Amino acid sequence: MLAIEQNEIKYRFQSKFEDCGRRWAERMLGRLQGSLLEVPLIWPGTHEQALTIVHALRDDSLTDMDCDNFAGVVQSGARLAWRGMVG
């Protein structure tokens, strides 16, 4: 696979995983509010939870290192959305 194609694939995944993080934060907020639980100001999700999301949505082209990096992307997307919703 050409380096350009690989970069395009990773860019697509980055956008996809940022969106997953945003949607994860929205669902987490809805669950907390629906259960009448306290909503923390700081994003409560963990890297391990984000990694689970990445593993569920990955394809065979991603290495373990890619997955770990994309878990960070999921977390970043979730944190940004969380700040916008509760901060």
C-alpha atoms as a PDB file:
ATOM      1  CA  MET A   1       0.000   0.000   0.000  1.00  0.00           C
ATOM      2  CA  LEU A   2       1.330   3.427  -0.875  1.00  0.00           C
ATOM      3  CA  ALA A   3       2.171   5.843   1.919  1.00  0.00           C
ATOM      4  CA  ILE A   4      -0.389   8.335   0.567  1.00  0.00           C
ATOM      5  CA  GLU A   5      -3.144   5.720   0.652  1.00  0.00           C
ATOM      6  CA  GLN A   6      -2.147   4.747   4.181  1.00  0.00           C
ATOM      7  CA  ASN A   7      -2.283   8.395   5.301  1.00  0.00           C
ATOM      8  CA  GLU A   8      -5.734   8.806   3.753  1.00  0.00           C
ATOM      9  CA  ILE A   9      -6.989   5.711   5.567  1.00  0.00           C
ATOM     10  CA  LYS A  10      -5.593   6.937   8.888  1.00  0.00           C
ATOM     11  CA  TYR A  11      -7.119  10.386   8.329  1.00  0.00           C
ATOM     12  CA  ARG A  12     -10.512   8.743   7.691  1.00  0.00           C
ATOM     13  CA  PHE A  13     -10.139   6.689  10.857  1.00  0.00           C
ATOM     14  CA  GLN A  14      -9.129   9.760  12.862  1.00  0.00           C
ATOM     15  CA  SER A  15     -12.276  11.597  11.790  1.00  0.00           C
ATOM     16  CA  LYS A  16     -14.388   8.509  12.502  1.00  0.00           C
ATOM     17  CA  PHE A  17     -12.909   8.019  15.965  1.00  0.00           C
ATOM     18  CA  GLU A  18     -13.219  11.718  16.900  1.00  0.00           C
ATOM     19  CA  ASP A  19     -16.906  11.426  16.047  1.00  0.00           C
ATOM     20  CA  CYS A  20     -17.170   8.229  18.103  1.00  0.00           C
ATOM     21  CA  GLY A  21     -15.726  10.085  21.067  1.00  0.00           C
ATOM     22  CA  ARG A  22     -18.251  12.878  20.679  1.00  0.00           C
ATOM     23  CA  ARG A  23     -21.147  10.433  20.482  1.00  0.00           C
ATOM     24  CA  TRP A  24     -19.780   8.482  23.463  1.00  0.00           C
ATOM     25  CA  ALA A  25     -19.764  11.677  25.537  1.00  0.00           C
ATOM     26  CA  GLU A  26     -23.333  12.504  24.478  1.00  0.00           C
ATOM     27  CA  ARG A  27     -24.557   9.033  25.464  1.00  0.00           C
ATOM     28  CA  MET A  28     -22.647   9.107  28.758  1.00  0.00           C
ATOM     29  CA  LEU A  29     -24.197  12.459  29.670  1.00  0.00           C
ATOM     30  CA  GLY A  30     -27.664  11.168  28.771  1.00  0.00           C
ATOM     31  CA  ARG A  31     -27.197   8.058  30.925  1.00  0.00           C
ATOM     32  CA  LEU A  32     -25.964  10.063  33.901  1.00  0.00           C
ATOM     33  CA  GLN A  33     -28.794  12.581  33.652  1.00  0.00           C
ATOM     34  CA  GLY A  34     -31.359   9.849  33.026  1.00  0.00           C
ATOM     35  CA  SER A  35     -30.235   8.044  36.170  1.00  0.00           C
ATOM     36  CA  LEU A  36     -30.240  11.307  38.132  1.00  0.00           C
ATOM     37  CA  LEU A  37     -26.540  10.852  38.893  1.00  0.00           C
ATOM     38  CA  GLU A  38     -24.104  13.686  39.442  1.00  0.00           C
ATOM     39  CA  VAL A  39     -22.483  14.878  36.221  1.00  0.00           C
ATOM     40  CA  PRO A  40     -18.743  15.473  36.705  1.00  0.00           C
ATOM     41  CA  LEU A  41     -17.113  18.517  35.129  1.00  0.00           C
ATOM     42  CA  ILE A  42     -14.174  16.402  33.950  1.00  0.00           C
ATOM     43  CA  TRP A  43     -14.740  13.683  31.343  1.00  0.00           C
ATOM     44  CA  PRO A  44     -15.165  10.387  33.258  1.00  0.00           C
ATOM     45  CA  GLY A  45     -14.265   7.968  30.449  1.00  0.00           C
ATOM     46  CA  THR A  46     -11.032   5.963  30.545  1.00  0.00           C
ATOM     47  CA  HIS A  47      -8.386   5.100  27.979  1.00  0.00           C
ATOM     48  CA  GLU A  48      -9.305   1.427  28.341  1.00  0.00           C
ATOM     49  CA  GLN A  49     -12.942   2.178  27.478  1.00  0.00           C
ATOM     50  CA  ALA A  50     -11.811   4.185  24.462  1.00  0.00           C
ATOM     51  CA  LEU A  51      -9.559   1.321  23.386  1.00  0.00           C
ATOM     52  CA  THR A  52     -12.551  -1.038  23.560  1.00  0.00           C
ATOM     53  CA  ILE A  53     -14.427   1.280  21.186  1.00  0.00           C
ATOM     54  CA  VAL A  54     -11.475   1.333  18.784  1.00  0.00           C
ATOM     55  CA  HIS A  55     -11.128  -2.457  18.846  1.00  0.00           C
ATOM     56  CA  ALA A  56     -14.837  -2.846  18.126  1.00  0.00           C
ATOM     57  CA  LEU A  57     -14.635  -0.577  15.065  1.00  0.00           C
ATOM     58  CA  ARG A  58     -11.160  -1.301  13.725  1.00  0.00           C
ATOM     59  CA  ASP A  59     -10.242  -3.205  10.639  1.00  0.00           C
ATOM     60  CA  ASP A  60      -7.249  -5.435   9.986  1.00  0.00           C
ATOM     61  CA  SER A  61      -5.148  -2.602   8.563  1.00  0.00           C
ATOM     62  CA  LEU A  62      -4.631  -1.060  12.008  1.00  0.00           C
ATOM     63  CA  THR A  63      -1.717  -2.112  14.173  1.00  0.00           C
ATOM     64  CA  ASP A  64      -1.897  -2.293  17.960  1.00  0.00           C
ATOM     65  CA  MET A  65       0.011   0.998  18.083  1.00  0.00           C
ATOM     66  CA  ASP A  66      -2.541   2.582  15.721  1.00  0.00           C
ATOM     67  CA  CYS A  67      -5.346   1.351  17.974  1.00  0.00           C
ATOM     68  CA  ASP A  68      -3.688   2.855  21.026  1.00  0.00           C
ATOM     69  CA  ASN A  69      -3.240   6.169  19.192  1.00  0.00           C
ATOM     70  CA  PHE A  70      -6.840   6.156  18.004  1.00  0.00           C
ATOM     71  CA  ALA A  71      -8.019   5.456  21.562  1.00  0.00           C
ATOM     72  CA  GLY A  72      -6.395   8.799  22.374  1.00  0.00           C
ATOM     73  CA  VAL A  73      -8.335  10.354  19.505  1.00  0.00           C
ATOM     74  CA  VAL A  74     -11.591   8.926  20.891  1.00  0.00           C
ATOM     75  CA  GLN A  75     -10.733  10.303  24.331  1.00  0.00           C
ATOM     76  CA  SER A  76      -9.882  13.737  22.891  1.00  0.00           C
ATOM     77  CA  GLY A  77     -13.145  13.879  20.964  1.00  0.00           C
ATOM     78  CA  ALA A  78     -15.081  12.860  24.074  1.00  0.00           C
ATOM     79  CA  ARG A  79     -13.296  15.378  26.319  1.00  0.00           C
ATOM     80  CA  LEU A  80     -13.906  18.210  23.880  1.00  0.00           C
ATOM     81  CA  ALA A  81     -17.589  17.336  23.561  1.00  0.00           C
ATOM     82  CA  TRP A  82     -17.916  16.920  27.329  1.00  0.00           C
ATOM     83  CA  ARG A  83     -16.483  20.384  27.984  1.00  0.00           C
ATOM     84  CA  GLY A  84     -18.928  21.823  25.495  1.00  0.00           C
ATOM     85  CA  MET A  85     -21.890  20.100  27.119  1.00  0.00           C
ATOM     86  CA  VAL A  86     -21.143  20.499  30.832  1.00  0.00           C
ATOM     87  CA  GLY A  87     -18.376  23.089  31.104  1.00  0.00           C
END
